[in-house]
């Protein structure tokens, strides 16, 4: 399992370096190779997750480092999907460095510090971690698309010519990625918050809890932070509004 994580981290790092070379040189072939590297890294990390149950000391569900690696893996999968659907090769390859950092951090963690989760909660802990991780990864992709949108919009307004053989993502493509990520990520994060509340109720008899619990150490105000994140995402969805092609359709 550790070997697959190590290989995935190495491939993610190589993919990020290849992406930078593809932009600087520039070379469309190298940029596309970095995307293939993300695919290989995601497959290796997926195999590592599938074999977690064979580890001598599996990571706890409350371990932020391991959850961060899961979020990074989901973000890679989402970005690879968008890259092939919307030709966002350069944007998708940027997540290689972030994925490398999270996977590398999970390899540095001492397995002996993991705390097993009590089995009284049933499937709620796993549902909470999977749904919340998927929601956070999609919102992270939306944030990344928003950053690139602002950069490209400012470049176009300043009328600066940029000669490059590797085309950057268009404003329309970035907008579509942001809308799709928000539309999918907000419901998943909401479901993750709901299943987390059920997890707390099964373990401790309350819907909200912070600090140490019977299932292991937690972080202060975790439920409040999760609720704030969900509310912030909902506010962003409301502020973003429907896509331009939907506006005025009722008139």
Protein backbone atom coordinates (compact mmCIF):
# COMPACT_ATOMS: atom_id res chain seq x y z
CA UNK A 1 0.00 0.00 0.00
CA UNK A 2 2.82 2.40 0.92
CA UNK A 3 4.63 1.56 -2.32
CA UNK A 4 1.60 2.62 -4.37
CA UNK A 5 1.36 5.90 -2.45
CA UNK A 6 5.06 6.55 -3.01
CA UNK A 7 4.74 5.82 -6.73
CA UNK A 8 1.66 8.07 -6.98
CA UNK A 9 3.49 10.94 -5.25
CA UNK A 10 6.44 10.59 -7.65
CA UNK A 11 4.16 10.55 -10.69
CA UNK A 12 2.21 13.59 -9.45
CA UNK A 13 5.46 15.52 -8.97
CA UNK A 14 6.70 14.56 -12.43
CA UNK A 15 3.33 15.57 -13.89
CA UNK A 16 3.51 18.99 -12.26
CA UNK A 17 7.06 19.56 -13.52
CA UNK A 18 6.04 18.46 -17.02
CA UNK A 19 3.10 20.88 -16.91
CA UNK A 20 5.43 23.79 -16.11
CA UNK A 21 7.79 22.76 -18.91
CA UNK A 22 4.86 22.54 -21.30
CA UNK A 23 3.88 26.12 -20.44
CA UNK A 24 7.38 27.64 -20.41
CA UNK A 25 8.83 26.01 -23.54
CA UNK A 26 5.95 25.87 -24.75
CA UNK A 27 5.05 22.37 -25.95
CA UNK A 28 1.60 20.88 -26.38
CA UNK A 29 3.08 17.38 -26.39
CA UNK A 30 4.69 17.84 -22.96
CA UNK A 31 1.53 19.43 -21.57
CA UNK A 32 -0.53 16.47 -22.74
CA UNK A 33 2.03 14.06 -21.29
CA UNK A 34 1.56 15.75 -17.90
CA UNK A 35 -2.14 14.98 -18.16
CA UNK A 36 -1.40 11.33 -18.81
CA UNK A 37 0.84 11.44 -15.74
CA UNK A 38 -2.11 12.58 -13.65
CA UNK A 39 -4.10 9.61 -14.92
CA UNK A 40 -1.33 7.17 -13.95
CA UNK A 41 -0.94 8.81 -10.54
CA UNK A 42 -4.69 8.66 -9.89
CA UNK A 43 -4.74 4.95 -10.77
CA UNK A 44 -1.82 4.21 -8.44
CA UNK A 45 -3.36 6.19 -5.60
CA UNK A 46 -6.71 4.49 -6.20
CA UNK A 47 -5.02 1.09 -5.82
CA UNK A 48 -3.40 2.33 -2.60
CA UNK A 49 -6.81 3.33 -1.20
CA UNK A 50 -8.31 0.00 -2.25
CA UNK A 51 -5.66 -1.87 -0.25
CA UNK A 52 -5.84 0.27 2.92
CA UNK A 53 -7.61 -2.52 4.81
CA UNK A 54 -4.49 -4.67 4.47
CA UNK A 55 -2.30 -2.18 6.34
CA UNK A 56 -1.10 -3.10 9.83
CA UNK A 57 -2.35 0.24 11.18
CA UNK A 58 -5.02 1.74 8.87
CA UNK A 59 -5.37 5.53 9.18
CA UNK A 60 -8.23 6.84 11.28
CA UNK A 61 -11.19 8.50 9.61
CA UNK A 62 -10.47 11.60 11.73
CA UNK A 63 -6.93 11.88 10.35
CA UNK A 64 -6.83 15.15 8.39
CA UNK A 65 -3.65 14.18 6.52
CA UNK A 66 -5.16 11.00 5.11
CA UNK A 67 -8.44 12.74 4.33
CA UNK A 68 -6.47 15.48 2.56
CA UNK A 69 -4.85 12.83 0.35
CA UNK A 70 -8.32 11.48 -0.46
CA UNK A 71 -9.56 14.99 -1.33
CA UNK A 72 -6.53 15.53 -3.58
CA UNK A 73 -7.17 12.22 -5.36
CA UNK A 74 -10.80 13.13 -6.01
CA UNK A 75 -9.74 16.56 -7.27
CA UNK A 76 -7.31 14.92 -9.71
CA UNK A 77 -10.05 12.63 -11.01
CA UNK A 78 -12.42 15.58 -11.49
CA UNK A 79 -9.79 17.70 -13.24
CA UNK A 80 -8.82 14.86 -15.59
CA UNK A 81 -12.49 14.47 -16.51
CA UNK A 82 -12.85 18.20 -17.22
CA UNK A 83 -9.57 18.24 -19.15
CA UNK A 84 -10.77 15.65 -21.62
CA UNK A 85 -14.26 17.07 -21.89
CA UNK A 86 -13.25 20.73 -22.24
CA UNK A 87 -9.57 20.59 -23.30
CA UNK A 88 -8.19 22.10 -20.11
CA UNK A 89 -4.86 20.32 -20.24
CA UNK A 90 -2.83 23.12 -18.65
CA UNK A 91 -5.33 23.73 -15.83
CA UNK A 92 -5.69 20.03 -14.98
CA UNK A 93 -1.94 19.48 -14.76
CA UNK A 94 -1.52 22.25 -12.15
CA UNK A 95 -3.14 20.04 -9.50
CA UNK A 96 -0.21 17.63 -9.81
CA UNK A 97 1.88 19.65 -7.36
CA UNK A 98 -0.96 19.92 -4.84
CA UNK A 99 -1.69 16.19 -5.06
CA UNK A 100 2.00 15.44 -4.56
CA UNK A 101 2.14 17.56 -1.39
CA UNK A 102 -0.89 15.85 0.19
CA UNK A 103 0.22 12.32 -0.70
CA UNK A 104 3.77 13.04 0.47
CA UNK A 105 2.44 14.42 3.77
CA UNK A 106 0.41 11.25 4.31
CA UNK A 107 3.58 9.18 3.82
CA UNK A 108 5.40 11.18 6.51
CA UNK A 109 2.72 10.52 9.14
CA UNK A 110 3.53 7.92 11.79
CA UNK A 111 0.99 5.04 11.43
CA UNK A 112 1.22 4.30 15.17
CA UNK A 113 -0.59 7.56 15.94
CA UNK A 114 -3.75 6.42 14.14
CA UNK A 115 -6.81 5.89 16.28
CA UNK A 116 -9.34 3.33 15.18
CA UNK A 117 -12.95 4.42 14.89
CA UNK A 118 -15.47 2.53 16.96
CA UNK A 119 -17.82 0.34 15.00
CA UNK A 120 -20.97 1.53 16.78
CA UNK A 121 -21.66 4.20 14.17
CA UNK A 122 -22.03 1.71 11.33
CA UNK A 123 -21.57 3.14 7.85
CA UNK A 124 -22.03 6.80 8.87
CA UNK A 125 -18.29 7.57 9.30
CA UNK A 126 -17.37 6.22 5.87
CA UNK A 127 -20.32 7.95 4.20
CA UNK A 128 -19.40 11.23 5.89
CA UNK A 129 -15.72 11.10 4.87
CA UNK A 130 -16.47 10.11 1.26
CA UNK A 131 -19.25 12.65 0.70
CA UNK A 132 -17.50 15.53 2.46
CA UNK A 133 -14.21 14.79 0.68
CA UNK A 134 -15.94 14.72 -2.70
CA UNK A 135 -17.70 18.01 -1.94
CA UNK A 136 -14.53 19.73 -0.77
CA UNK A 137 -12.56 18.51 -3.80
CA UNK A 138 -15.19 19.85 -6.19
CA UNK A 139 -15.31 23.20 -4.40
CA UNK A 140 -11.52 23.29 -4.58
CA UNK A 141 -11.69 22.74 -8.33
CA UNK A 142 -14.24 25.56 -8.57
CA UNK A 143 -11.89 27.84 -6.64
CA UNK A 144 -8.97 26.92 -8.90
CA UNK A 145 -11.09 27.63 -11.99
CA UNK A 146 -12.07 30.97 -10.47
CA UNK A 147 -8.43 31.96 -9.94
CA UNK A 148 -7.55 31.11 -13.54
CA UNK A 149 -10.67 32.97 -14.70
CA UNK A 150 -9.53 36.16 -12.96
CA UNK A 151 -6.02 35.81 -14.39
CA UNK A 152 -7.26 35.28 -17.95
CA UNK A 153 -9.88 38.04 -17.63
CA UNK A 154 -7.27 40.53 -16.45
CA UNK A 155 -4.94 39.54 -19.28
CA UNK A 156 -7.67 40.08 -21.87
CA UNK A 157 -8.69 43.45 -20.42
CA UNK A 158 -5.10 44.65 -20.44
CA UNK A 159 -4.90 43.59 -24.12
CA UNK A 160 -1.56 41.90 -23.60
CA UNK A 161 -0.55 39.57 -26.40
CA UNK A 162 0.68 36.21 -25.24
CA UNK A 163 2.37 34.08 -27.84
CA UNK A 164 2.14 30.43 -26.96
CA UNK A 165 1.57 27.19 -28.77
CA UNK A 166 -0.22 25.65 -25.79
CA UNK A 167 -3.59 27.47 -25.61
CA UNK A 168 -4.77 28.43 -22.17
CA UNK A 169 -8.30 27.72 -20.95
CA UNK A 170 -10.92 30.11 -22.29
CA UNK A 171 -13.16 32.16 -20.03
CA UNK A 172 -16.19 30.17 -21.18
CA UNK A 173 -14.54 26.84 -20.35
CA UNK A 174 -13.41 28.08 -16.93
CA UNK A 175 -16.90 29.37 -16.22
CA UNK A 176 -18.43 26.02 -17.14
CA UNK A 177 -15.97 24.20 -14.88
CA UNK A 178 -16.81 26.52 -11.99
CA UNK A 179 -20.57 26.16 -12.44
CA UNK A 180 -20.43 22.37 -12.79
CA UNK A 181 -18.13 21.99 -9.77
CA UNK A 182 -20.33 24.20 -7.60
CA UNK A 183 -23.52 22.47 -8.73
CA UNK A 184 -22.10 19.05 -7.82
CA UNK A 185 -19.95 20.00 -4.84
CA UNK A 186 -22.52 21.88 -2.76
CA UNK A 187 -25.06 18.98 -2.53
CA UNK A 188 -22.26 16.51 -1.74
CA UNK A 189 -20.88 18.76 1.00
CA UNK A 190 -24.40 19.17 2.41
CA UNK A 191 -24.86 15.39 2.49
CA UNK A 192 -21.43 15.08 4.09
CA UNK A 193 -22.49 17.48 6.84
CA UNK A 194 -25.73 15.55 7.39
CA UNK A 195 -23.98 12.17 7.62
CA UNK A 196 -21.40 13.71 9.95
CA UNK A 197 -24.21 14.81 12.26
CA UNK A 198 -25.60 11.26 12.23
CA UNK A 199 -22.12 9.94 13.00
CA UNK A 200 -21.91 12.21 16.06
CA UNK A 201 -25.38 11.19 17.16
CA UNK A 202 -24.54 7.47 16.88
CA UNK A 203 -21.27 7.86 18.77
CA UNK A 204 -22.04 10.54 21.36
CA UNK A 205 -25.81 11.06 21.35
CA UNK A 206 -25.55 14.64 20.04
CA UNK A 207 -25.69 16.14 16.55
CA UNK A 208 -22.85 18.63 17.06
CA UNK A 209 -19.64 18.04 18.99
CA UNK A 210 -16.14 19.45 19.20
CA UNK A 211 -13.02 18.26 20.99
CA UNK A 212 -12.30 14.67 22.11
CA UNK A 213 -14.99 12.07 21.49
CA UNK A 214 -15.36 8.37 22.09
CA UNK A 215 -14.38 7.68 18.48
CA UNK A 216 -11.03 9.40 18.91
CA UNK A 217 -9.57 12.89 19.02
CA UNK A 218 -11.35 15.56 17.09
CA UNK A 219 -10.64 19.21 16.36
CA UNK A 220 -12.29 22.05 18.32
CA UNK A 221 -15.44 23.35 16.70
CA UNK A 222 -15.33 20.82 13.88
CA UNK A 223 -19.09 20.81 13.37
CA UNK A 224 -19.20 24.60 13.42
CA UNK A 225 -16.43 24.79 10.82
CA UNK A 226 -18.16 22.25 8.60
CA UNK A 227 -21.43 24.16 8.87
CA UNK A 228 -19.66 27.42 8.04
CA UNK A 229 -18.01 25.83 4.98
CA UNK A 230 -21.34 24.50 3.77
CA UNK A 231 -23.03 27.89 4.33
CA UNK A 232 -20.20 29.66 2.50
CA UNK A 233 -20.54 27.29 -0.45
CA UNK A 234 -24.30 27.82 -0.52
CA UNK A 235 -23.81 31.59 -0.49
CA UNK A 236 -21.40 31.30 -3.41
CA UNK A 237 -23.89 29.19 -5.37
CA UNK A 238 -26.61 31.80 -4.71
CA UNK A 239 -24.30 34.70 -5.62
CA UNK A 240 -23.10 32.96 -8.77
CA UNK A 241 -26.65 32.56 -10.07
CA UNK A 242 -27.69 30.50 -13.09
CA UNK A 243 -25.58 30.35 -16.25
CA UNK A 244 -26.12 33.21 -18.72
CA UNK A 245 -27.99 30.98 -21.17
CA UNK A 246 -30.61 30.25 -18.46
CA UNK A 247 -31.26 33.88 -17.59
CA UNK A 248 -34.29 35.40 -19.18
CA UNK A 249 -35.60 32.04 -20.39
CA UNK A 250 -38.79 32.52 -18.41
CA UNK A 251 -39.62 35.82 -20.16
